[in-house]
Amino acid sequence: MSPRDSYEAKAESEFAEVQSQLSALAARAGKAVAAGRAEGERLLVAAQSKHDEALHRFQLLKLAGADGWDAVKTTFETAWTELRHALGPRG
């Protein structure tokens, strides 16, 4: 085998190895994306639940009579704070 043939054969072998590494990397990236998507969906469901609770508390606040308004306001503010925390620092 000539030096050129040897060199080209070695390069082909190394390309095959790199292709295998790229395939493994792609598989790991796919798993990371799926895990990230699942976490994002979990956070979204939690935030939506907090939103629904805060909205419910706000509706109760609007319906509350003068004698119970302060108590309902406190529960609304708690629900609102939990919603803002669920949305994170930019929410």
Protein backbone atom coordinates (compact mmCIF):
# COMPACT_ATOMS: atom_id res chain seq x y z
CA MET A 1 0.00 0.00 0.00
CA SER A 2 1.39 3.37 -0.99
CA PRO A 3 1.73 6.20 1.55
CA ARG A 4 -1.15 7.99 -0.19
CA ASP A 5 -3.42 4.92 0.02
CA SER A 6 -2.45 4.41 3.64
CA TYR A 7 -3.15 8.05 4.47
CA GLU A 8 -6.54 7.99 2.74
CA ALA A 9 -7.51 4.71 4.40
CA LYS A 10 -6.60 6.13 7.81
CA ALA A 11 -8.63 9.30 7.11
CA GLU A 12 -11.64 7.20 6.03
CA SER A 13 -11.37 5.18 9.22
CA GLU A 14 -11.20 8.34 11.31
CA PHE A 15 -14.22 9.79 9.48
CA ALA A 16 -16.15 6.61 10.28
CA GLU A 17 -15.21 6.98 13.97
CA VAL A 18 -16.24 10.65 13.97
CA GLN A 19 -19.56 9.74 12.33
CA SER A 20 -20.17 7.24 15.11
CA GLN A 21 -19.38 9.90 17.71
CA LEU A 22 -21.71 12.37 15.96
CA SER A 23 -24.51 9.79 16.01
CA ALA A 24 -24.00 9.24 19.72
CA LEU A 25 -23.98 13.00 20.32
CA ALA A 26 -27.20 13.38 18.34
CA ALA A 27 -28.84 10.69 20.47
CA ARG A 28 -27.74 12.40 23.69
CA ALA A 29 -28.95 15.77 22.37
CA GLY A 30 -32.33 14.25 21.50
CA LYS A 31 -32.68 12.89 25.03
CA ALA A 32 -31.71 16.27 26.51
CA VAL A 33 -34.26 18.05 24.32
CA ALA A 34 -36.97 15.58 25.37
CA ALA A 35 -36.07 16.05 29.04
CA GLY A 36 -36.08 19.82 28.62
CA ARG A 37 -39.44 19.69 26.87
CA ALA A 38 -40.90 17.56 29.67
CA GLU A 39 -39.60 19.98 32.30
CA GLY A 40 -40.96 22.94 30.35
CA GLU A 41 -44.36 21.30 30.08
CA ARG A 42 -44.33 20.56 33.82
CA LEU A 43 -43.54 24.20 34.61
CA LEU A 44 -46.24 25.39 32.22
CA VAL A 45 -48.89 23.17 33.80
CA ALA A 46 -47.87 24.37 37.27
CA ALA A 47 -48.00 28.03 36.21
CA GLN A 48 -51.38 27.53 34.51
CA SER A 49 -52.72 26.00 37.71
CA LYS A 50 -51.47 28.99 39.71
CA HIS A 51 -53.06 31.32 37.14
CA ASP A 52 -56.40 29.54 37.42
CA GLU A 53 -56.28 29.75 41.22
CA ALA A 54 -55.38 33.46 41.16
CA LEU A 55 -58.16 34.17 38.67
CA HIS A 56 -60.65 32.31 40.85
CA ARG A 57 -59.51 34.29 43.90
CA PHE A 58 -59.82 37.54 41.91
CA GLN A 59 -63.36 36.66 40.89
CA LEU A 60 -64.20 35.99 44.53
CA LEU A 61 -62.62 39.33 45.44
CA LYS A 62 -64.87 41.15 42.99
CA LEU A 63 -67.94 39.42 44.44
CA ALA A 64 -67.00 39.85 48.10
CA GLY A 65 -69.07 42.05 50.32
CA ALA A 66 -67.56 44.89 52.30
CA ASP A 67 -67.35 42.84 55.50
CA GLY A 68 -65.30 40.00 53.95
CA TRP A 69 -63.37 41.90 51.30
CA ASP A 70 -60.13 42.24 53.32
CA ALA A 71 -59.98 38.50 54.02
CA VAL A 72 -60.63 37.63 50.37
CA LYS A 73 -58.05 40.22 49.33
CA THR A 74 -55.44 38.41 51.44
CA THR A 75 -56.17 35.07 49.76
CA PHE A 76 -56.06 36.74 46.35
CA GLU A 77 -52.69 38.37 47.10
CA THR A 78 -51.28 35.02 48.22
CA ALA A 79 -52.48 33.35 45.02
CA TRP A 80 -51.12 36.24 42.95
CA THR A 81 -47.70 36.01 44.59
CA GLU A 82 -47.59 32.25 43.96
CA LEU A 83 -48.46 32.85 40.30
CA ARG A 84 -45.70 35.46 39.91
CA HIS A 85 -43.19 33.05 41.48
CA ALA A 86 -44.33 30.22 39.19
CA LEU A 87 -43.66 32.45 36.19
CA GLY A 88 -40.10 33.12 37.34
CA PRO A 89 -38.06 36.31 37.48
CA ARG A 90 -39.30 37.65 34.13
CA GLY A 91 -42.93 36.70 34.70
